[in-house]
Amino acid sequence: MEIEIELMEKEAFGEVVSEGIFETIVIWKDGDWSIVGSAHHQSRVGKQEPLMYIYKEQLQQMDVQQDSIQYLIKQIEDALNGISVKAFCD
Protein backbone atom coordinates (compact mmCIF):
# COMPACT_ATOMS: atom_id res chain seq x y z
CA MET A 1 0.00 0.00 0.00
CA GLU A 2 1.38 3.36 -1.03
CA ILE A 3 1.37 6.21 1.49
CA GLU A 4 -0.18 9.44 0.24
CA ILE A 5 1.80 12.61 0.94
CA GLU A 6 -0.23 15.57 2.18
CA LEU A 7 0.63 19.24 2.42
CA MET A 8 1.68 20.05 5.98
CA GLU A 9 0.02 22.80 8.00
CA LYS A 10 -2.80 23.33 5.49
CA GLU A 11 -4.62 25.90 7.61
CA ALA A 12 -1.51 28.06 8.04
CA PHE A 13 -0.74 27.67 4.33
CA GLY A 14 -4.25 28.88 3.46
CA GLU A 15 -3.86 31.91 5.72
CA VAL A 16 -0.50 32.85 4.19
CA VAL A 17 -1.92 32.55 0.67
CA SER A 18 -5.16 34.43 1.41
CA GLU A 19 -3.34 37.24 3.24
CA GLY A 20 -0.65 37.47 0.55
CA ILE A 21 2.16 37.68 3.10
CA PHE A 22 4.80 36.14 0.84
CA GLU A 23 6.57 36.68 -2.46
CA THR A 24 7.47 33.04 -3.10
CA ILE A 25 6.51 29.83 -1.33
CA VAL A 26 8.53 26.65 -1.77
CA ILE A 27 6.77 23.28 -1.61
CA TRP A 28 9.19 20.53 -0.54
CA LYS A 29 8.91 16.94 -1.71
CA ASP A 30 7.95 15.71 1.78
CA GLY A 31 4.87 17.97 1.91
CA ASP A 32 6.47 20.70 3.98
CA TRP A 33 6.43 24.29 2.72
CA SER A 34 8.23 27.51 3.52
CA ILE A 35 8.31 31.15 2.56
CA VAL A 36 11.50 32.02 0.68
CA GLY A 37 13.78 34.02 2.95
CA SER A 38 12.32 32.70 6.21
CA ALA A 39 14.45 30.92 8.81
CA HIS A 40 12.55 27.70 8.06
CA HIS A 41 13.35 28.04 4.37
CA GLN A 42 17.04 28.70 5.08
CA SER A 43 17.20 25.56 7.22
CA ARG A 44 15.90 23.44 4.31
CA VAL A 45 17.94 24.91 1.45
CA GLY A 46 20.52 22.46 0.17
CA LYS A 47 19.09 19.53 2.11
CA GLN A 48 16.29 18.68 -0.28
CA GLU A 49 15.21 19.73 -3.74
CA PRO A 50 11.96 21.68 -3.86
CA LEU A 51 9.00 20.17 -5.67
CA MET A 52 7.62 23.53 -6.83
CA TYR A 53 7.51 27.27 -6.25
CA ILE A 54 4.35 29.33 -5.88
CA TYR A 55 4.65 33.01 -6.74
CA LYS A 56 2.48 35.72 -5.20
CA GLU A 57 2.17 37.57 -8.49
CA GLN A 58 0.69 34.47 -10.14
CA LEU A 59 -1.91 34.11 -7.41
CA GLN A 60 -2.79 37.81 -7.54
CA GLN A 61 -4.07 37.26 -11.08
CA MET A 62 -6.88 35.15 -9.67
CA ASP A 63 -9.44 35.96 -7.02
CA VAL A 64 -7.98 33.94 -4.13
CA GLN A 65 -10.89 32.69 -2.08
CA GLN A 66 -11.34 29.61 0.08
CA ASP A 67 -12.45 27.45 -2.88
CA SER A 68 -9.40 28.38 -4.93
CA ILE A 69 -7.08 27.83 -1.94
CA GLN A 70 -8.55 24.36 -1.45
CA TYR A 71 -8.09 23.71 -5.17
CA LEU A 72 -4.47 24.88 -4.95
CA ILE A 73 -3.86 22.56 -1.98
CA LYS A 74 -5.39 19.66 -3.95
CA GLN A 75 -3.13 20.46 -6.92
CA ILE A 76 -0.07 20.55 -4.64
CA GLU A 77 -1.00 17.22 -3.04
CA ASP A 78 -1.52 15.66 -6.47
CA ALA A 79 1.97 16.84 -7.47
CA LEU A 80 3.41 15.50 -4.20
CA ASN A 81 1.98 12.11 -5.11
CA GLY A 82 3.25 12.09 -8.68
CA ILE A 83 0.02 13.09 -10.39
CA SER A 84 0.56 15.48 -13.29
CA VAL A 85 -1.13 18.81 -12.62
CA LYS A 86 -1.83 22.11 -14.32
CA ALA A 87 -1.20 24.40 -11.39
CA PHE A 88 -0.44 28.05 -10.72
CA CYS A 89 3.13 27.13 -9.96
CA ASP A 90 6.22 25.69 -11.59
PDB file of N, CA and C in Angstrom:
ATOM      1  N   MET A   1       0.847  -1.184   0.000  1.00  0.00           N
ATOM      2  CA  MET A   1       0.000   0.000   0.000  1.00  0.00           C
ATOM      3  C   MET A   1       0.891   1.247   0.000  1.00  0.00           C
ATOM      4  N   GLU A   2       0.598   2.137  -0.891  1.00  0.00           N
ATOM      5  CA  GLU A   2       1.380   3.363  -1.029  1.00  0.00           C
ATOM      6  C   GLU A   2       0.842   4.443  -0.092  1.00  0.00           C
ATOM      7  N   ILE A   3       1.753   5.130   0.573  1.00  0.00           N
ATOM      8  CA  ILE A   3       1.371   6.210   1.487  1.00  0.00           C
ATOM      9  C   ILE A   3       1.190   7.492   0.687  1.00  0.00           C
ATOM     10  N   GLU A   4       0.085   8.171   0.932  1.00  0.00           N
ATOM     11  CA  GLU A   4      -0.179   9.435   0.242  1.00  0.00           C
ATOM     12  C   GLU A   4       0.453  10.582   1.024  1.00  0.00           C
ATOM     13  N   ILE A   5       1.168  11.442   0.311  1.00  0.00           N
ATOM     14  CA  ILE A   5       1.797  12.605   0.937  1.00  0.00           C
ATOM     15  C   ILE A   5       0.802  13.760   0.923  1.00  0.00           C
ATOM     16  N   GLU A   6       0.662  14.420   2.065  1.00  0.00           N
ATOM     17  CA  GLU A   6      -0.229  15.573   2.180  1.00  0.00           C
ATOM     18  C   GLU A   6       0.581  16.825   2.466  1.00  0.00           C
ATOM     19  N   LEU A   7       0.025  17.952   2.092  1.00  0.00           N
ATOM     20  CA  LEU A   7       0.628  19.240   2.418  1.00  0.00           C
ATOM     21  C   LEU A   7       0.536  19.448   3.925  1.00  0.00           C
ATOM     22  N   MET A   8       1.653  19.812   4.538  1.00  0.00           N
ATOM     23  CA  MET A   8       1.681  20.048   5.985  1.00  0.00           C
ATOM     24  C   MET A   8       1.092  21.420   6.309  1.00  0.00           C
ATOM     25  N   GLU A   9       0.527  21.524   7.491  1.00  0.00           N
ATOM     26  CA  GLU A   9       0.021  22.801   8.004  1.00  0.00           C
ATOM     27  C   GLU A   9      -0.889  23.508   6.988  1.00  0.00           C
ATOM     28  N   LYS A  10      -1.909  22.798   6.526  1.00  0.00           N
ATOM     29  CA  LYS A  10      -2.800  23.330   5.486  1.00  0.00           C
ATOM     30  C   LYS A  10      -3.482  24.632   5.902  1.00  0.00           C
ATOM     31  N   GLU A  11      -3.923  24.699   7.155  1.00  0.00           N
ATOM     32  CA  GLU A  11      -4.622  25.905   7.609  1.00  0.00           C
ATOM     33  C   GLU A  11      -3.698  27.122   7.569  1.00  0.00           C
ATOM     34  N   ALA A  12      -2.482  26.954   8.069  1.00  0.00           N
ATOM     35  CA  ALA A  12      -1.508  28.056   8.041  1.00  0.00           C
ATOM     36  C   ALA A  12      -1.162  28.422   6.602  1.00  0.00           C
ATOM     37  N   PHE A  13      -1.025  27.422   5.740  1.00  0.00           N
ATOM     38  CA  PHE A  13      -0.744  27.667   4.327  1.00  0.00           C
ATOM     39  C   PHE A  13      -1.862  28.510   3.713  1.00  0.00           C
ATOM     40  N   GLY A  14      -3.108  28.131   3.979  1.00  0.00           N
ATOM     41  CA  GLY A  14      -4.251  28.878   3.462  1.00  0.00           C
ATOM     42  C   GLY A  14      -4.266  30.323   3.927  1.00  0.00           C
ATOM     43  N   GLU A  15      -3.912  30.546   5.191  1.00  0.00           N
ATOM     44  CA  GLU A  15      -3.865  31.910   5.723  1.00  0.00           C
ATOM     45  C   GLU A  15      -2.782  32.734   5.035  1.00  0.00           C
ATOM     46  N   VAL A  16      -1.608  32.144   4.852  1.00  0.00           N
ATOM     47  CA  VAL A  16      -0.503  32.845   4.188  1.00  0.00           C
ATOM     48  C   VAL A  16      -0.903  33.222   2.768  1.00  0.00           C
ATOM     49  N   VAL A  17      -1.515  32.288   2.048  1.00  0.00           N
ATOM     50  CA  VAL A  17      -1.925  32.552   0.667  1.00  0.00           C
ATOM     51  C   VAL A  17      -3.018  33.612   0.625  1.00  0.00           C
ATOM     52  N   SER A  18      -4.042  33.475   1.467  1.00  0.00           N
ATOM     53  CA  SER A  18      -5.159  34.430   1.406  1.00  0.00           C
ATOM     54  C   SER A  18      -4.747  35.830   1.843  1.00  0.00           C
ATOM     55  N   GLU A  19      -3.801  35.930   2.774  1.00  0.00           N
ATOM     56  CA  GLU A  19      -3.342  37.243   3.236  1.00  0.00           C
ATOM     57  C   GLU A  19      -2.246  37.818   2.348  1.00  0.00           C
ATOM     58  N   GLY A  20      -1.679  36.995   1.480  1.00  0.00           N
ATOM     59  CA  GLY A  20      -0.653  37.474   0.552  1.00  0.00           C
ATOM     60  C   GLY A  20       0.633  37.908   1.227  1.00  0.00           C
ATOM     61  N   ILE A  21       0.971  37.267   2.345  1.00  0.00           N
ATOM     62  CA  ILE A  21       2.162  37.684   3.096  1.00  0.00           C
ATOM     63  C   ILE A  21       3.403  36.894   2.670  1.00  0.00           C
ATOM     64  N   PHE A  22       3.646  36.842   1.384  1.00  0.00           N
ATOM     65  CA  PHE A  22       4.801  36.138   0.840  1.00  0.00           C
ATOM     66  C   PHE A  22       5.070  36.659  -0.560  1.00  0.00           C
ATOM     67  N   GLU A  23       6.252  36.444  -1.042  1.00  0.00           N
ATOM     68  CA  GLU A  23       6.567  36.681  -2.457  1.00  0.00           C
ATOM     69  C   GLU A  23       6.642  35.343  -3.180  1.00  0.00           C
ATOM     70  N   THR A  24       7.317  34.373  -2.529  1.00  0.00           N
ATOM     71  CA  THR A  24       7.470  33.039  -3.100  1.00  0.00           C
ATOM     72  C   THR A  24       7.374  32.010  -1.983  1.00  0.00           C
ATOM     73  N   ILE A  25       6.605  30.961  -2.245  1.00  0.00           N
ATOM     74  CA  ILE A  25       6.507  29.827  -1.326  1.00  0.00           C
ATOM     75  C   ILE A  25       7.143  28.629  -2.016  1.00  0.00           C
ATOM     76  N   VAL A  26       7.938  27.887  -1.265  1.00  0.00           N
ATOM     77  CA  VAL A  26       8.530  26.651  -1.769  1.00  0.00           C
ATOM     78  C   VAL A  26       7.744  25.480  -1.189  1.00  0.00           C
ATOM     79  N   ILE A  27       7.376  24.538  -2.057  1.00  0.00           N
ATOM     80  CA  ILE A  27       6.774  23.285  -1.607  1.00  0.00           C
ATOM     81  C   ILE A  27       7.865  22.225  -1.703  1.00  0.00           C
ATOM     82  N   TRP A  28       8.152  21.566  -0.582  1.00  0.00           N
ATOM     83  CA  TRP A  28       9.191  20.534  -0.535  1.00  0.00           C
ATOM     84  C   TRP A  28       8.578  19.171  -0.822  1.00  0.00           C
ATOM     85  N   LYS A  29       9.386  18.252  -1.284  1.00  0.00           N
ATOM     86  CA  LYS A  29       8.909  16.935  -1.713  1.00  0.00           C
ATOM     87  C   LYS A  29       8.285  16.104  -0.597  1.00  0.00           C
ATOM     88  N   ASP A  30       8.542  16.458   0.660  1.00  0.00           N
ATOM     89  CA  ASP A  30       7.952  15.709   1.778  1.00  0.00           C
ATOM     90  C   ASP A  30       6.622  16.303   2.247  1.00  0.00           C
ATOM     91  N   GLY A  31       6.140  17.347   1.550  1.00  0.00           N
ATOM     92  CA  GLY A  31       4.868  17.971   1.907  1.00  0.00           C
ATOM     93  C   GLY A  31       5.011  19.209   2.765  1.00  0.00           C
ATOM     94  N   ASP A  32       6.213  19.490   3.205  1.00  0.00           N
ATOM     95  CA  ASP A  32       6.472  20.698   3.978  1.00  0.00           C
ATOM     96  C   ASP A  32       6.497  21.888   3.017  1.00  0.00           C
ATOM     97  N   TRP A  33       6.360  23.085   3.545  1.00  0.00           N
ATOM     98  CA  TRP A  33       6.426  24.292   2.719  1.00  0.00           C
ATOM     99  C   TRP A  33       7.077  25.402   3.533  1.00  0.00           C
ATOM    100  N   SER A  34       7.608  26.375   2.833  1.00  0.00           N
ATOM    101  CA  SER A  34       8.232  27.507   3.517  1.00  0.00           C
ATOM    102  C   SER A  34       8.197  28.737   2.626  1.00  0.00           C
ATOM    103  N   ILE A  35       8.235  29.885   3.273  1.00  0.00           N
ATOM    104  CA  ILE A  35       8.308  31.152   2.557  1.00  0.00           C
ATOM    105  C   ILE A  35       9.780  31.435   2.294  1.00  0.00           C
ATOM    106  N   VAL A  36      10.108  31.734   1.032  1.00  0.00           N
ATOM    107  CA  VAL A  36      11.496  32.021   0.681  1.00  0.00           C
ATOM    108  C   VAL A  36      12.005  33.182   1.528  1.00  0.00           C
ATOM    109  N   GLY A  37      13.174  32.999   2.112  1.00  0.00           N
ATOM    110  CA  GLY A  37      13.783  34.020   2.954  1.00  0.00           C
ATOM    111  C   GLY A  37      13.542  33.821   4.438  1.00  0.00           C
ATOM    112  N   SER A  38      12.600  32.952   4.794  1.00  0.00           N
ATOM    113  CA  SER A  38      12.324  32.701   6.211  1.00  0.00           C
ATOM    114  C   SER A  38      13.408  31.803   6.810  1.00  0.00           C
ATOM    115  N   ALA A  39      13.485  31.784   8.129  1.00  0.00           N
ATOM    116  CA  ALA A  39      14.453  30.917   8.809  1.00  0.00           C
ATOM    117  C   ALA A  39      14.181  29.451   8.478  1.00  0.00           C
ATOM    118  N   HIS A  40      12.906  29.083   8.403  1.00  0.00           N
ATOM    119  CA  HIS A  40      12.550  27.700   8.062  1.00  0.00           C
ATOM    120  C   HIS A  40      13.057  27.355   6.664  1.00  0.00           C
ATOM    121  N   HIS A  41      12.877  28.260   5.736  1.00  0.00           N
ATOM    122  CA  HIS A  41      13.354  28.039   4.369  1.00  0.00           C
ATOM    123  C   HIS A  41      14.868  27.881   4.353  1.00  0.00           C
ATOM    124  N   GLN A  42      15.574  28.770   5.047  1.00  0.00           N
ATOM    125  CA  GLN A  42      17.038  28.704   5.078  1.00  0.00           C
ATOM    126  C   GLN A  42      17.522  27.378   5.656  1.00  0.00           C
ATOM    127  N   SER A  43      16.788  26.829   6.614  1.00  0.00           N
ATOM    128  CA  SER A  43      17.196  25.557   7.219  1.00  0.00           C
ATOM    129  C   SER A  43      17.013  24.376   6.269  1.00  0.00           C
ATOM    130  N   ARG A  44      16.167  24.536   5.252  1.00  0.00           N
ATOM    131  CA  ARG A  44      15.900  23.441   4.309  1.00  0.00           C
ATOM    132  C   ARG A  44      16.741  23.524   3.037  1.00  0.00           C
ATOM    133  N   VAL A  45      17.195  24.708   2.692  1.00  0.00           N
ATOM    134  CA  VAL A  45      17.941  24.910   1.448  1.00  0.00           C
ATOM    135  C   VAL A  45      19.178  24.019   1.443  1.00  0.00           C
ATOM    136  N   GLY A  46      19.359  23.320   0.336  1.00  0.00           N
ATOM    137  CA  GLY A  46      20.521  22.461   0.167  1.00  0.00           C
ATOM    138  C   GLY A  46      20.352  21.064   0.731  1.00  0.00           C
ATOM    139  N   LYS A  47      19.322  20.852   1.524  1.00  0.00           N
ATOM    140  CA  LYS A  47      19.091  19.532   2.110  1.00  0.00           C
ATOM    141  C   LYS A  47      18.123  18.702   1.280  1.00  0.00           C
ATOM    142  N   GLN A  48      17.259  19.373   0.548  1.00  0.00           N
ATOM    143  CA  GLN A  48      16.285  18.677  -0.282  1.00  0.00           C
ATOM    144  C   GLN A  48      15.898  19.582  -1.441  1.00  0.00           C
ATOM    145  N   GLU A  49      15.674  18.973  -2.587  1.00  0.00           N
ATOM    146  CA  GLU A  49      15.214  19.731  -3.744  1.00  0.00           C
ATOM    147  C   GLU A  49      13.742  20.094  -3.561  1.00  0.00           C
ATOM    148  N   PRO A  50      13.378  21.313  -3.913  1.00  0.00           N
ATOM    149  CA  PRO A  50      11.959  21.681  -3.855  1.00  0.00           C
ATOM    150  C   PRO A  50      11.163  20.953  -4.940  1.00  0.00           C
ATOM    151  N   LEU A  51       9.896  20.742  -4.673  1.00  0.00           N
ATOM    152  CA  LEU A  51       9.000  20.174  -5.670  1.00  0.00           C
ATOM    153  C   LEU A  51       8.513  21.275  -6.604  1.00  0.00           C
ATOM    154  N   MET A  52       8.154  22.432  -6.022  1.00  0.00           N
ATOM    155  CA  MET A  52       7.623  23.531  -6.826  1.00  0.00           C
ATOM    156  C   MET A  52       7.728  24.841  -6.063  1.00  0.00           C
ATOM    157  N   TYR A  53       7.560  25.918  -6.810  1.00  0.00           N
ATOM    158  CA  TYR A  53       7.511  27.266  -6.251  1.00  0.00           C
ATOM    159  C   TYR A  53       6.146  27.853  -6.580  1.00  0.00           C
ATOM    160  N   ILE A  54       5.606  28.612  -5.654  1.00  0.00           N
ATOM    161  CA  ILE A  54       4.354  29.330  -5.877  1.00  0.00           C
ATOM    162  C   ILE A  54       4.664  30.813  -5.707  1.00  0.00           C
ATOM    163  N   TYR A  55       4.311  31.589  -6.720  1.00  0.00           N
ATOM    164  CA  TYR A  55       4.647  33.010  -6.735  1.00  0.00           C
ATOM    165  C   TYR A  55       3.411  33.858  -6.455  1.00  0.00           C
ATOM    166  N   LYS A  56       3.577  34.827  -5.573  1.00  0.00           N
ATOM    167  CA  LYS A  56       2.484  35.721  -5.196  1.00  0.00           C
ATOM    168  C   LYS A  56       1.872  36.392  -6.419  1.00  0.00           C
ATOM    169  N   GLU A  57       2.707  36.843  -7.329  1.00  0.00           N
ATOM    170  CA  GLU A  57       2.175  37.573  -8.487  1.00  0.00           C
ATOM    171  C   GLU A  57       1.291  36.676  -9.355  1.00  0.00           C
ATOM    172  N   GLN A  58       1.563  35.378  -9.398  1.00  0.00           N
ATOM    173  CA  GLN A  58       0.689  34.467 -10.142  1.00  0.00           C
ATOM    174  C   GLN A  58      -0.668  34.339  -9.458  1.00  0.00           C
ATOM    175  N   LEU A  59      -0.657  34.258  -8.138  1.00  0.00           N
ATOM    176  CA  LEU A  59      -1.914  34.107  -7.406  1.00  0.00           C
ATOM    177  C   LEU A  59      -2.730  35.389  -7.401  1.00  0.00           C
ATOM    178  N   GLN A  60      -2.069  36.540  -7.518  1.00  0.00           N
ATOM    179  CA  GLN A  60      -2.787  37.813  -7.542  1.00  0.00           C
ATOM    180  C   GLN A  60      -3.629  37.951  -8.802  1.00  0.00           C
ATOM    181  N   GLN A  61      -3.314  37.193  -9.828  1.00  0.00           N
ATOM    182  CA  GLN A  61      -4.070  37.264 -11.076  1.00  0.00           C
ATOM    183  C   GLN A  61      -5.423  36.573 -10.952  1.00  0.00           C
ATOM    184  N   MET A  62      -5.595  35.806  -9.895  1.00  0.00           N
ATOM    185  CA  MET A  62      -6.876  35.154  -9.673  1.00  0.00           C
ATOM    186  C   MET A  62      -7.477  35.691  -8.384  1.00  0.00           C
ATOM    187  N   ASP A  63      -8.753  35.538  -8.235  1.00  0.00           N
ATOM    188  CA  ASP A  63      -9.439  35.960  -7.018  1.00  0.00           C
ATOM    189  C   ASP A  63      -9.266  34.845  -5.991  1.00  0.00           C
ATOM    190  N   VAL A  64      -8.303  35.002  -5.087  1.00  0.00           N
ATOM    191  CA  VAL A  64      -7.977  33.942  -4.133  1.00  0.00           C
ATOM    192  C   VAL A  64      -9.024  33.914  -3.026  1.00  0.00           C
ATOM    193  N   GLN A  65      -9.871  32.904  -3.095  1.00  0.00           N
ATOM    194  CA  GLN A  65     -10.886  32.690  -2.079  1.00  0.00           C
ATOM    195  C   GLN A  65     -10.713  31.275  -1.552  1.00  0.00           C
ATOM    196  N   GLN A  66     -11.503  30.909  -0.563  1.00  0.00           N
ATOM    197  CA  GLN A  66     -11.339  29.608   0.080  1.00  0.00           C
ATOM    198  C   GLN A  66     -11.407  28.461  -0.925  1.00  0.00           C
ATOM    199  N   ASP A  67     -12.339  28.526  -1.888  1.00  0.00           N
ATOM    200  CA  ASP A  67     -12.450  27.454  -2.878  1.00  0.00           C
ATOM    201  C   ASP A  67     -11.180  27.322  -3.699  1.00  0.00           C
ATOM    202  N   SER A  68     -10.611  28.447  -4.111  1.00  0.00           N
ATOM    203  CA  SER A  68      -9.401  28.383  -4.929  1.00  0.00           C
ATOM    204  C   SER A  68      -8.194  27.950  -4.099  1.00  0.00           C
ATOM    205  N   ILE A  69      -8.165  28.283  -2.811  1.00  0.00           N
ATOM    206  CA  ILE A  69      -7.076  27.827  -1.944  1.00  0.00           C
ATOM    207  C   ILE A  69      -7.170  26.315  -1.768  1.00  0.00           C
ATOM    208  N   GLN A  70      -8.377  25.807  -1.566  1.00  0.00           N
ATOM    209  CA  GLN A  70      -8.554  24.357  -1.448  1.00  0.00           C
ATOM    210  C   GLN A  70      -8.156  23.656  -2.746  1.00  0.00           C
ATOM    211  N   TYR A  71      -8.485  24.267  -3.876  1.00  0.00           N
ATOM    212  CA  TYR A  71      -8.093  23.710  -5.172  1.00  0.00           C
ATOM    213  C   TYR A  71      -6.571  23.709  -5.304  1.00  0.00           C
ATOM    214  N   LEU A  72      -5.923  24.798  -4.898  1.00  0.00           N
ATOM    215  CA  LEU A  72      -4.466  24.884  -4.947  1.00  0.00           C
ATOM    216  C   LEU A  72      -3.841  23.796  -4.074  1.00  0.00           C
ATOM    217  N   ILE A  73      -4.372  23.606  -2.872  1.00  0.00           N
ATOM    218  CA  ILE A  73      -3.864  22.558  -1.983  1.00  0.00           C
ATOM    219  C   ILE A  73      -4.021  21.189  -2.632  1.00  0.00           C
ATOM    220  N   LYS A  74      -5.158  20.941  -3.261  1.00  0.00           N
ATOM    221  CA  LYS A  74      -5.387  19.656  -3.952  1.00  0.00           C
ATOM    222  C   LYS A  74      -4.375  19.474  -5.073  1.00  0.00           C
ATOM    223  N   GLN A  75      -4.108  20.524  -5.841  1.00  0.00           N
ATOM    224  CA  GLN A  75      -3.127  20.456  -6.920  1.00  0.00           C
ATOM    225  C   GLN A  75      -1.731  20.154  -6.369  1.00  0.00           C
ATOM    226  N   ILE A  76      -1.380  20.786  -5.267  1.00  0.00           N
ATOM    227  CA  ILE A  76      -0.075  20.545  -4.640  1.00  0.00           C
ATOM    228  C   ILE A  76       0.023  19.095  -4.182  1.00  0.00           C
ATOM    229  N   GLU A  77      -1.025  18.601  -3.527  1.00  0.00           N
ATOM    230  CA  GLU A  77      -1.000  17.219  -3.042  1.00  0.00           C
ATOM    231  C   GLU A  77      -0.959  16.224  -4.192  1.00  0.00           C
ATOM    232  N   ASP A  78      -1.627  16.531  -5.287  1.00  0.00           N
ATOM    233  CA  ASP A  78      -1.520  15.663  -6.467  1.00  0.00           C
ATOM    234  C   ASP A  78      -0.076  15.620  -6.963  1.00  0.00           C
ATOM    235  N   ALA A  79       0.566  16.782  -7.029  1.00  0.00           N
ATOM    236  CA  ALA A  79       1.965  16.842  -7.472  1.00  0.00           C
ATOM    237  C   ALA A  79       2.875  16.091  -6.500  1.00  0.00           C
ATOM    238  N   LEU A  80       2.619  16.215  -5.205  1.00  0.00           N
ATOM    239  CA  LEU A  80       3.410  15.496  -4.201  1.00  0.00           C
ATOM    240  C   LEU A  80       3.327  13.988  -4.394  1.00  0.00           C
ATOM    241  N   ASN A  81       2.210  13.538  -4.929  1.00  0.00           N
ATOM    242  CA  ASN A  81       1.980  12.115  -5.113  1.00  0.00           C
ATOM    243  C   ASN A  81       2.196  11.658  -6.549  1.00  0.00           C
ATOM    244  N   GLY A  82       2.863  12.494  -7.335  1.00  0.00           N
ATOM    245  CA  GLY A  82       3.255  12.094  -8.682  1.00  0.00           C
ATOM    246  C   GLY A  82       2.179  12.203  -9.734  1.00  0.00           C
ATOM    247  N   ILE A  83       1.096  12.891  -9.422  1.00  0.00           N
ATOM    248  CA  ILE A  83       0.023  13.085 -10.395  1.00  0.00           C
ATOM    249  C   ILE A  83       0.304  14.373 -11.149  1.00  0.00           C
ATOM    250  N   SER A  84       0.290  14.302 -12.465  1.00  0.00           N
ATOM    251  CA  SER A  84       0.560  15.478 -13.291  1.00  0.00           C
ATOM    252  C   SER A  84      -0.549  16.506 -13.090  1.00  0.00           C
ATOM    253  N   VAL A  85      -0.152  17.757 -12.887  1.00  0.00           N
ATOM    254  CA  VAL A  85      -1.133  18.809 -12.621  1.00  0.00           C
ATOM    255  C   VAL A  85      -0.871  20.027 -13.484  1.00  0.00           C
ATOM    256  N   LYS A  86      -1.933  20.778 -13.726  1.00  0.00           N
ATOM    257  CA  LYS A  86      -1.829  22.114 -14.317  1.00  0.00           C
ATOM    258  C   LYS A  86      -2.096  23.059 -13.167  1.00  0.00           C
ATOM    259  N   ALA A  87      -1.048  23.573 -12.585  1.00  0.00           N
ATOM    260  CA  ALA A  87      -1.204  24.404 -11.386  1.00  0.00           C
ATOM    261  C   ALA A  87      -0.764  25.824 -11.667  1.00  0.00           C
ATOM    262  N   PHE A  88      -0.832  26.653 -10.642  1.00  0.00           N
ATOM    263  CA  PHE A  88      -0.440  28.049 -10.715  1.00  0.00           C
ATOM    264  C   PHE A  88       1.015  28.180 -10.313  1.00  0.00           C
ATOM    265  N   CYS A  89       1.766  27.153 -10.450  1.00  0.00           N
ATOM    266  CA  CYS A  89       3.134  27.134  -9.957  1.00  0.00           C
ATOM    267  C   CYS A  89       4.026  26.441 -10.972  1.00  0.00           C
ATOM    268  N   ASP A  90       5.332  26.407 -10.679  1.00  0.00           N
ATOM    269  CA  ASP A  90       6.224  25.686 -11.592  1.00  0.00           C
ATOM    270  C   ASP A  90       6.923  24.570 -10.856  1.00  0.00           C
TER     271      ASP A  90
END
